[in-house]
Structure formats: C-alpha cells, structure tokens
Amino acid sequence: MPEDFVPDYARVADDIRRKILSGDLPGGTRLPTKLQLMRDYTVGAHAIDTAMLLLRTEGLVIGHQGRGRWVAEGKAERRGGTAGENPPA
C-alpha cells in the first residue's frame, strides 16, 4: 500500500471536519443524507458510516437514527464536547 494512501472514510471525515472548523458548515447545519454523501464522495456506505462515527466521537456531528445528522453547535470554535447532543428543533 502506498505511503500516501488515505482510506475513504478518513478522506470523507477530513473534508467534513475541515468544512466544520472553517465555518463552511456552521453549527446546526443539517448534513446531506448518507446516499447523497456516498454520491458526493464516490464512496460506499461503510466509508460514510465510519466517517460519521469518527466525527460524532470527536463531538463535531450529532445524529439520531431516522432523523438525520447535524453539525454540533459551537464545535467550530472549540473541539471536543459531548457527543449525542440533541439536534436543533
């Protein structure tokens, strides 16, 4: 495997993380569906699931089964926090 190889899930997570931390995806923004992310990044469902799990663990993304995923509030200013916060009403 080449030294510069980046797994699909890491590439997706890195891009979304960059957008969150730069403010391109502000807190409270609803993320695209899994299907749309799969199309946008040309990756499979497993890569999206793994990327979202990583971002959720970092406290950058929150989500609920069947309701979608959002950028966590205030995460662009400070990393960390509590994963599993409620999405905006």
PDB file of N, CA and C in Angstrom:
ATOM      1  N   MET A   1       0.845  -1.172   0.000  1.00  0.00           N
ATOM      2  CA  MET A   1       0.000   0.000   0.000  1.00  0.00           C
ATOM      3  C   MET A   1       0.898   1.245   0.000  1.00  0.00           C
ATOM      4  N   PRO A   2       0.630   2.207  -0.881  1.00  0.00           N
ATOM      5  CA  PRO A   2       1.470   3.404  -0.955  1.00  0.00           C
ATOM      6  C   PRO A   2       1.466   4.183   0.359  1.00  0.00           C
ATOM      7  N   GLU A   3       2.568   4.872   0.620  1.00  0.00           N
ATOM      8  CA  GLU A   3       2.722   5.643   1.847  1.00  0.00           C
ATOM      9  C   GLU A   3       1.677   6.739   1.988  1.00  0.00           C
ATOM     10  N   ASP A   4       1.253   7.318   0.864  1.00  0.00           N
ATOM     11  CA  ASP A   4       0.306   8.426   0.918  1.00  0.00           C
ATOM     12  C   ASP A   4      -1.149   7.974   0.794  1.00  0.00           C
ATOM     13  N   PHE A   5      -1.413   6.677   0.912  1.00  0.00           N
ATOM     14  CA  PHE A   5      -2.772   6.150   0.835  1.00  0.00           C
ATOM     15  C   PHE A   5      -3.605   6.660   2.007  1.00  0.00           C
ATOM     16  N   VAL A   6      -4.797   7.180   1.709  1.00  0.00           N
ATOM     17  CA  VAL A   6      -5.732   7.632   2.735  1.00  0.00           C
ATOM     18  C   VAL A   6      -7.023   6.852   2.537  1.00  0.00           C
ATOM     19  N   PRO A   7      -7.482   6.127   3.563  1.00  0.00           N
ATOM     20  CA  PRO A   7      -8.730   5.374   3.430  1.00  0.00           C
ATOM     21  C   PRO A   7      -9.900   6.316   3.111  1.00  0.00           C
ATOM     22  N   ASP A   8     -10.892   5.786   2.408  1.00  0.00           N
ATOM     23  CA  ASP A   8     -12.049   6.591   2.022  1.00  0.00           C
ATOM     24  C   ASP A   8     -12.706   7.273   3.224  1.00  0.00           C
ATOM     25  N   TYR A   9     -12.912   6.525   4.318  1.00  0.00           N
ATOM     26  CA  TYR A   9     -13.592   7.113   5.471  1.00  0.00           C
ATOM     27  C   TYR A   9     -12.806   8.299   6.028  1.00  0.00           C
ATOM     28  N   ALA A  10     -11.468   8.211   6.019  1.00  0.00           N
ATOM     29  CA  ALA A  10     -10.632   9.287   6.542  1.00  0.00           C
ATOM     30  C   ALA A  10     -10.690  10.504   5.623  1.00  0.00           C
ATOM     31  N   ARG A  11     -10.724  10.270   4.332  1.00  0.00           N
ATOM     32  CA  ARG A  11     -10.821  11.363   3.361  1.00  0.00           C
ATOM     33  C   ARG A  11     -12.138  12.114   3.550  1.00  0.00           C
ATOM     34  N   VAL A  12     -13.235  11.380   3.716  1.00  0.00           N
ATOM     35  CA  VAL A  12     -14.545  11.996   3.926  1.00  0.00           C
ATOM     36  C   VAL A  12     -14.562  12.759   5.248  1.00  0.00           C
ATOM     37  N   ALA A  13     -14.116  12.112   6.325  1.00  0.00           N
ATOM     38  CA  ALA A  13     -14.108  12.750   7.647  1.00  0.00           C
ATOM     39  C   ALA A  13     -13.224  13.997   7.637  1.00  0.00           C
ATOM     40  N   ASP A  14     -12.061  13.915   7.007  1.00  0.00           N
ATOM     41  CA  ASP A  14     -11.157  15.068   6.946  1.00  0.00           C
ATOM     42  C   ASP A  14     -11.807  16.245   6.233  1.00  0.00           C
ATOM     43  N   ASP A  15     -12.500  15.980   5.127  1.00  0.00           N
ATOM     44  CA  ASP A  15     -13.127  17.052   4.365  1.00  0.00           C
ATOM     45  C   ASP A  15     -14.273  17.695   5.150  1.00  0.00           C
ATOM     46  N   ILE A  16     -15.121  16.870   5.747  1.00  0.00           N
ATOM     47  CA  ILE A  16     -16.246  17.413   6.513  1.00  0.00           C
ATOM     48  C   ILE A  16     -15.731  18.145   7.750  1.00  0.00           C
ATOM     49  N   ARG A  17     -14.720  17.600   8.416  1.00  0.00           N
ATOM     50  CA  ARG A  17     -14.118  18.266   9.577  1.00  0.00           C
ATOM     51  C   ARG A  17     -13.580  19.641   9.185  1.00  0.00           C
ATOM     52  N   ARG A  18     -12.882  19.695   8.068  1.00  0.00           N
ATOM     53  CA  ARG A  18     -12.325  20.966   7.576  1.00  0.00           C
ATOM     54  C   ARG A  18     -13.448  21.979   7.340  1.00  0.00           C
ATOM     55  N   LYS A  19     -14.547  21.532   6.735  1.00  0.00           N
ATOM     56  CA  LYS A  19     -15.675  22.427   6.465  1.00  0.00           C
ATOM     57  C   LYS A  19     -16.322  22.921   7.759  1.00  0.00           C
ATOM     58  N   ILE A  20     -16.403  22.064   8.759  1.00  0.00           N
ATOM     59  CA  ILE A  20     -16.980  22.460  10.047  1.00  0.00           C
ATOM     60  C   ILE A  20     -16.069  23.471  10.735  1.00  0.00           C
ATOM     61  N   LEU A  21     -14.794  23.165  10.824  1.00  0.00           N
ATOM     62  CA  LEU A  21     -13.852  24.019  11.554  1.00  0.00           C
ATOM     63  C   LEU A  21     -13.606  25.354  10.851  1.00  0.00           C
ATOM     64  N   SER A  22     -13.793  25.395   9.531  1.00  0.00           N
ATOM     65  CA  SER A  22     -13.618  26.645   8.789  1.00  0.00           C
ATOM     66  C   SER A  22     -14.876  27.508   8.834  1.00  0.00           C
ATOM     67  N   GLY A  23     -15.998  26.905   9.270  1.00  0.00           N
ATOM     68  CA  GLY A  23     -17.253  27.653   9.294  1.00  0.00           C
ATOM     69  C   GLY A  23     -18.078  27.495   8.039  1.00  0.00           C
ATOM     70  N   ASP A  24     -17.569  26.742   7.057  1.00  0.00           N
ATOM     71  CA  ASP A  24     -18.358  26.491   5.848  1.00  0.00           C
ATOM     72  C   ASP A  24     -19.612  25.680   6.175  1.00  0.00           C
ATOM     73  N   LEU A  25     -19.534  24.856   7.217  1.00  0.00           N
ATOM     74  CA  LEU A  25     -20.695  24.123   7.736  1.00  0.00           C
ATOM     75  C   LEU A  25     -20.884  24.576   9.183  1.00  0.00           C
ATOM     76  N   PRO A  26     -21.678  25.630   9.398  1.00  0.00           N
ATOM     77  CA  PRO A  26     -21.851  26.143  10.761  1.00  0.00           C
ATOM     78  C   PRO A  26     -22.686  25.211  11.633  1.00  0.00           C
ATOM     79  N   GLY A  27     -22.584  25.398  12.949  1.00  0.00           N
ATOM     80  CA  GLY A  27     -23.361  24.612  13.895  1.00  0.00           C
ATOM     81  C   GLY A  27     -24.842  24.670  13.561  1.00  0.00           C
ATOM     82  N   GLY A  28     -25.503  23.531  13.675  1.00  0.00           N
ATOM     83  CA  GLY A  28     -26.928  23.436  13.387  1.00  0.00           C
ATOM     84  C   GLY A  28     -27.243  23.093  11.945  1.00  0.00           C
ATOM     85  N   THR A  29     -26.226  23.067  11.074  1.00  0.00           N
ATOM     86  CA  THR A  29     -26.444  22.727   9.670  1.00  0.00           C
ATOM     87  C   THR A  29     -26.741  21.241   9.547  1.00  0.00           C
ATOM     88  N   ARG A  30     -27.802  20.932   8.837  1.00  0.00           N
ATOM     89  CA  ARG A  30     -28.113  19.522   8.588  1.00  0.00           C
ATOM     90  C   ARG A  30     -27.196  19.007   7.490  1.00  0.00           C
ATOM     91  N   LEU A  31     -26.587  17.864   7.735  1.00  0.00           N
ATOM     92  CA  LEU A  31     -25.697  17.253   6.745  1.00  0.00           C
ATOM     93  C   LEU A  31     -26.521  16.528   5.691  1.00  0.00           C
ATOM     94  N   PRO A  32     -25.965  16.357   4.504  1.00  0.00           N
ATOM     95  CA  PRO A  32     -26.668  15.597   3.469  1.00  0.00           C
ATOM     96  C   PRO A  32     -26.936  14.159   3.939  1.00  0.00           C
ATOM     97  N   THR A  33     -27.858  13.498   3.275  1.00  0.00           N
ATOM     98  CA  THR A  33     -28.171  12.107   3.582  1.00  0.00           C
ATOM     99  C   THR A  33     -26.974  11.222   3.273  1.00  0.00           C
ATOM    100  N   LYS A  34     -27.002  10.020   3.803  1.00  0.00           N
ATOM    101  CA  LYS A  34     -25.929   9.061   3.527  1.00  0.00           C
ATOM    102  C   LYS A  34     -25.805   8.826   2.022  1.00  0.00           C
ATOM    103  N   LEU A  35     -26.926   8.673   1.349  1.00  0.00           N
ATOM    104  CA  LEU A  35     -26.899   8.432  -0.092  1.00  0.00           C
ATOM    105  C   LEU A  35     -26.253   9.601  -0.827  1.00  0.00           C
ATOM    106  N   GLN A  36     -26.595  10.821  -0.428  1.00  0.00           N
ATOM    107  CA  GLN A  36     -26.002  11.984  -1.090  1.00  0.00           C
ATOM    108  C   GLN A  36     -24.501  12.068  -0.815  1.00  0.00           C
ATOM    109  N   LEU A  37     -24.099  11.789   0.428  1.00  0.00           N
ATOM    110  CA  LEU A  37     -22.673  11.784   0.750  1.00  0.00           C
ATOM    111  C   LEU A  37     -21.936  10.710  -0.044  1.00  0.00           C
ATOM    112  N   MET A  38     -22.554   9.539  -0.200  1.00  0.00           N
ATOM    113  CA  MET A  38     -21.947   8.468  -0.988  1.00  0.00           C
ATOM    114  C   MET A  38     -21.718   8.939  -2.423  1.00  0.00           C
ATOM    115  N   ARG A  39     -22.695   9.643  -2.979  1.00  0.00           N
ATOM    116  CA  ARG A  39     -22.564  10.155  -4.346  1.00  0.00           C
ATOM    117  C   ARG A  39     -21.518  11.262  -4.422  1.00  0.00           C
ATOM    118  N   ASP A  40     -21.572  12.191  -3.453  1.00  0.00           N
ATOM    119  CA  ASP A  40     -20.650  13.335  -3.468  1.00  0.00           C
ATOM    120  C   ASP A  40     -19.196  12.905  -3.365  1.00  0.00           C
ATOM    121  N   TYR A  41     -18.928  11.909  -2.507  1.00  0.00           N
ATOM    122  CA  TYR A  41     -17.550  11.477  -2.267  1.00  0.00           C
ATOM    123  C   TYR A  41     -17.163  10.227  -3.054  1.00  0.00           C
ATOM    124  N   THR A  42     -18.109   9.660  -3.782  1.00  0.00           N
ATOM    125  CA  THR A  42     -17.889   8.451  -4.574  1.00  0.00           C
ATOM    126  C   THR A  42     -17.298   7.334  -3.709  1.00  0.00           C
ATOM    127  N   VAL A  43     -17.993   7.056  -2.614  1.00  0.00           N
ATOM    128  CA  VAL A  43     -17.576   6.001  -1.690  1.00  0.00           C
ATOM    129  C   VAL A  43     -18.795   5.165  -1.311  1.00  0.00           C
ATOM    130  N   GLY A  44     -18.558   4.061  -0.629  1.00  0.00           N
ATOM    131  CA  GLY A  44     -19.631   3.191  -0.186  1.00  0.00           C
ATOM    132  C   GLY A  44     -20.206   3.605   1.159  1.00  0.00           C
ATOM    133  N   ALA A  45     -21.271   2.919   1.530  1.00  0.00           N
ATOM    134  CA  ALA A  45     -21.980   3.208   2.772  1.00  0.00           C
ATOM    135  C   ALA A  45     -21.087   3.026   3.999  1.00  0.00           C
ATOM    136  N   HIS A  46     -20.234   2.019   3.977  1.00  0.00           N
ATOM    137  CA  HIS A  46     -19.371   1.754   5.131  1.00  0.00           C
ATOM    138  C   HIS A  46     -18.419   2.933   5.386  1.00  0.00           C
ATOM    139  N   ALA A  47     -17.889   3.516   4.314  1.00  0.00           N
ATOM    140  CA  ALA A  47     -16.989   4.667   4.469  1.00  0.00           C
ATOM    141  C   ALA A  47     -17.720   5.846   5.093  1.00  0.00           C
ATOM    142  N   ILE A  48     -18.953   6.085   4.679  1.00  0.00           N
ATOM    143  CA  ILE A  48     -19.746   7.189   5.244  1.00  0.00           C
ATOM    144  C   ILE A  48     -20.066   6.912   6.700  1.00  0.00           C
ATOM    145  N   ASP A  49     -20.510   5.690   6.999  1.00  0.00           N
ATOM    146  CA  ASP A  49     -20.830   5.335   8.390  1.00  0.00           C
ATOM    147  C   ASP A  49     -19.619   5.505   9.297  1.00  0.00           C
ATOM    148  N   THR A  50     -18.460   5.057   8.834  1.00  0.00           N
ATOM    149  CA  THR A  50     -17.245   5.150   9.640  1.00  0.00           C
ATOM    150  C   THR A  50     -16.823   6.608   9.821  1.00  0.00           C
ATOM    151  N   ALA A  51     -16.913   7.400   8.763  1.00  0.00           N
ATOM    152  CA  ALA A  51     -16.573   8.824   8.855  1.00  0.00           C
ATOM    153  C   ALA A  51     -17.497   9.539   9.835  1.00  0.00           C
ATOM    154  N   MET A  52     -18.797   9.248   9.767  1.00  0.00           N
ATOM    155  CA  MET A  52     -19.756   9.898  10.666  1.00  0.00           C
ATOM    156  C   MET A  52     -19.533   9.469  12.124  1.00  0.00           C
ATOM    157  N   LEU A  53     -19.188   8.206  12.321  1.00  0.00           N
ATOM    158  CA  LEU A  53     -18.890   7.731  13.675  1.00  0.00           C
ATOM    159  C   LEU A  53     -17.667   8.462  14.232  1.00  0.00           C
ATOM    160  N   LEU A  54     -16.654   8.624  13.421  1.00  0.00           N
ATOM    161  CA  LEU A  54     -15.448   9.331  13.836  1.00  0.00           C
ATOM    162  C   LEU A  54     -15.774  10.793  14.198  1.00  0.00           C
ATOM    163  N   LEU A  55     -16.537  11.470  13.343  1.00  0.00           N
ATOM    164  CA  LEU A  55     -16.888  12.870  13.600  1.00  0.00           C
ATOM    165  C   LEU A  55     -17.799  13.008  14.819  1.00  0.00           C
ATOM    166  N   ARG A  56     -18.662  12.029  15.018  1.00  0.00           N
ATOM    167  CA  ARG A  56     -19.526  12.050  16.203  1.00  0.00           C
ATOM    168  C   ARG A  56     -18.697  11.843  17.469  1.00  0.00           C
ATOM    169  N   THR A  57     -17.744  10.937  17.414  1.00  0.00           N
ATOM    170  CA  THR A  57     -16.854  10.685  18.545  1.00  0.00           C
ATOM    171  C   THR A  57     -16.061  11.942  18.899  1.00  0.00           C
ATOM    172  N   GLU A  58     -15.695  12.721  17.888  1.00  0.00           N
ATOM    173  CA  GLU A  58     -14.969  13.971  18.099  1.00  0.00           C
ATOM    174  C   GLU A  58     -15.883  15.099  18.591  1.00  0.00           C
ATOM    175  N   GLY A  59     -17.195  14.850  18.595  1.00  0.00           N
ATOM    176  CA  GLY A  59     -18.137  15.865  19.041  1.00  0.00           C
ATOM    177  C   GLY A  59     -18.471  16.902  17.992  1.00  0.00           C
ATOM    178  N   LEU A  60     -18.139  16.641  16.744  1.00  0.00           N
ATOM    179  CA  LEU A  60     -18.400  17.598  15.676  1.00  0.00           C
ATOM    180  C   LEU A  60     -19.756  17.401  15.019  1.00  0.00           C
ATOM    181  N   VAL A  61     -20.279  16.184  15.086  1.00  0.00           N
ATOM    182  CA  VAL A  61     -21.539  15.840  14.427  1.00  0.00           C
ATOM    183  C   VAL A  61     -22.439  15.151  15.439  1.00  0.00           C
ATOM    184  N   ILE A  62     -23.715  15.461  15.369  1.00  0.00           N
ATOM    185  CA  ILE A  62     -24.709  14.763  16.182  1.00  0.00           C
ATOM    186  C   ILE A  62     -25.727  14.143  15.243  1.00  0.00           C
ATOM    187  N   GLY A  63     -26.379  13.092  15.678  1.00  0.00           N
ATOM    188  CA  GLY A  63     -27.354  12.461  14.817  1.00  0.00           C
ATOM    189  C   GLY A  63     -28.245  11.502  15.565  1.00  0.00           C
ATOM    190  N   HIS A  64     -29.379  11.232  14.957  1.00  0.00           N
ATOM    191  CA  HIS A  64     -30.354  10.315  15.523  1.00  0.00           C
ATOM    192  C   HIS A  64     -30.900   9.444  14.399  1.00  0.00           C
ATOM    193  N   GLN A  65     -30.982   8.156  14.656  1.00  0.00           N
ATOM    194  CA  GLN A  65     -31.468   7.193  13.672  1.00  0.00           C
ATOM    195  C   GLN A  65     -32.783   7.665  13.063  1.00  0.00           C
ATOM    196  N   GLY A  66     -32.812   7.773  11.751  1.00  0.00           N
ATOM    197  CA  GLY A  66     -34.027   8.129  11.046  1.00  0.00           C
ATOM    198  C   GLY A  66     -34.335   9.622  11.013  1.00  0.00           C
ATOM    199  N   ARG A  67     -33.566  10.439  11.719  1.00  0.00           N
ATOM    200  CA  ARG A  67     -33.838  11.879  11.758  1.00  0.00           C
ATOM    201  C   ARG A  67     -32.759  12.697  11.068  1.00  0.00           C
ATOM    202  N   GLY A  68     -31.601  12.138  10.848  1.00  0.00           N
ATOM    203  CA  GLY A  68     -30.541  12.855  10.160  1.00  0.00           C
ATOM    204  C   GLY A  68     -29.374  13.187  11.060  1.00  0.00           C
ATOM    205  N   ARG A  69     -28.433  13.919  10.482  1.00  0.00           N
ATOM    206  CA  ARG A  69     -27.222  14.326  11.209  1.00  0.00           C
ATOM    207  C   ARG A  69     -27.039  15.817  11.034  1.00  0.00           C
ATOM    208  N   TRP A  70     -26.526  16.452  12.090  1.00  0.00           N
ATOM    209  CA  TRP A  70     -26.287  17.891  12.098  1.00  0.00           C
ATOM    210  C   TRP A  70     -24.880  18.178  12.583  1.00  0.00           C
ATOM    211  N   VAL A  71     -24.395  19.361  12.213  1.00  0.00           N
ATOM    212  CA  VAL A  71     -23.148  19.861  12.784  1.00  0.00           C
ATOM    213  C   VAL A  71     -23.477  20.297  14.210  1.00  0.00           C
ATOM    214  N   ALA A  72     -22.679  19.846  15.163  1.00  0.00           N
ATOM    215  CA  ALA A  72     -22.896  20.202  16.563  1.00  0.00           C
ATOM    216  C   ALA A  72     -22.677  21.702  16.748  1.00  0.00           C
ATOM    217  N   GLU A  73     -23.492  22.317  17.581  1.00  0.00           N
ATOM    218  CA  GLU A  73     -23.386  23.755  17.859  1.00  0.00           C
ATOM    219  C   GLU A  73     -22.069  24.061  18.565  1.00  0.00           C
ATOM    220  N   GLY A  74     -21.413  25.156  18.167  1.00  0.00           N
ATOM    221  CA  GLY A  74     -20.223  25.646  18.845  1.00  0.00           C
ATOM    222  C   GLY A  74     -18.969  24.828  18.624  1.00  0.00           C
ATOM    223  N   LYS A  75     -18.993  23.836  17.750  1.00  0.00           N
ATOM    224  CA  LYS A  75     -17.831  22.976  17.584  1.00  0.00           C
ATOM    225  C   LYS A  75     -16.773  23.585  16.684  1.00  0.00           C
ATOM    226  N   ALA A  76     -17.116  24.572  15.884  1.00  0.00           N
ATOM    227  CA  ALA A  76     -16.101  25.206  15.047  1.00  0.00           C
ATOM    228  C   ALA A  76     -15.154  26.032  15.909  1.00  0.00           C
ATOM    229  N   GLU A  77     -15.674  26.565  17.014  1.00  0.00           N
ATOM    230  CA  GLU A  77     -14.847  27.396  17.883  1.00  0.00           C
ATOM    231  C   GLU A  77     -14.020  26.559  18.842  1.00  0.00           C
ATOM    232  N   ARG A  78     -14.576  25.433  19.276  1.00  0.00           N
ATOM    233  CA  ARG A  78     -13.865  24.610  20.256  1.00  0.00           C
ATOM    234  C   ARG A  78     -14.121  23.148  19.944  1.00  0.00           C
ATOM    235  N   ARG A  79     -13.076  22.384  19.818  1.00  0.00           N
ATOM    236  CA  ARG A  79     -13.227  20.955  19.562  1.00  0.00           C
ATOM    237  C   ARG A  79     -13.493  20.250  20.867  1.00  0.00           C
ATOM    238  N   GLY A  80     -14.130  19.121  20.763  1.00  0.00           N
ATOM    239  CA  GLY A  80     -14.436  18.349  21.966  1.00  0.00           C
ATOM    240  C   GLY A  80     -15.891  18.532  22.317  1.00  0.00           C
ATOM    241  N   GLY A  81     -16.227  18.358  23.580  1.00  0.00           N
ATOM    242  CA  GLY A  81     -17.619  18.481  23.983  1.00  0.00           C
ATOM    243  C   GLY A  81     -18.272  17.133  24.068  1.00  0.00           C
ATOM    244  N   THR A  82     -19.573  17.153  24.164  1.00  0.00           N
ATOM    245  CA  THR A  82     -20.316  15.925  24.382  1.00  0.00           C
ATOM    246  C   THR A  82     -20.998  15.478  23.100  1.00  0.00           C
ATOM    247  N   ALA A  83     -20.684  14.297  22.656  1.00  0.00           N
ATOM    248  CA  ALA A  83     -21.383  13.722  21.503  1.00  0.00           C
ATOM    249  C   ALA A  83     -22.770  13.304  21.956  1.00  0.00           C
ATOM    250  N   GLY A  84     -23.697  13.267  21.022  1.00  0.00           N
ATOM    251  CA  GLY A  84     -25.044  12.803  21.339  1.00  0.00           C
ATOM    252  C   GLY A  84     -25.963  13.912  21.794  1.00  0.00           C
ATOM    253  N   GLU A  85     -25.593  15.181  21.538  1.00  0.00           N
ATOM    254  CA  GLU A  85     -26.479  16.274  21.880  1.00  0.00           C
ATOM    255  C   GLU A  85     -27.698  16.216  20.980  1.00  0.00           C
ATOM    256  N   ASN A  86     -28.778  16.868  21.403  1.00  0.00           N
ATOM    257  CA  ASN A  86     -29.992  16.867  20.613  1.00  0.00           C
ATOM    258  C   ASN A  86     -29.848  17.797  19.421  1.00  0.00           C
ATOM    259  N   PRO A  87     -30.433  17.423  18.264  1.00  0.00           N
ATOM    260  CA  PRO A  87     -30.378  18.292  17.096  1.00  0.00           C
ATOM    261  C   PRO A  87     -31.259  19.510  17.302  1.00  0.00           C
ATOM    262  N   PRO A  88     -31.070  20.538  16.482  1.00  0.00           N
ATOM    263  CA  PRO A  88     -31.901  21.718  16.622  1.00  0.00           C
ATOM    264  C   PRO A  88     -33.368  21.389  16.388  1.00  0.00           C
ATOM    265  N   ALA A  89     -34.248  22.097  17.030  1.00  0.00           N
ATOM    266  CA  ALA A  89     -35.702  21.843  16.900  1.00  0.00           C
ATOM    267  C   ALA A  89     -36.239  22.413  15.632  1.00  0.00           C
TER     268      ALA A  89
END
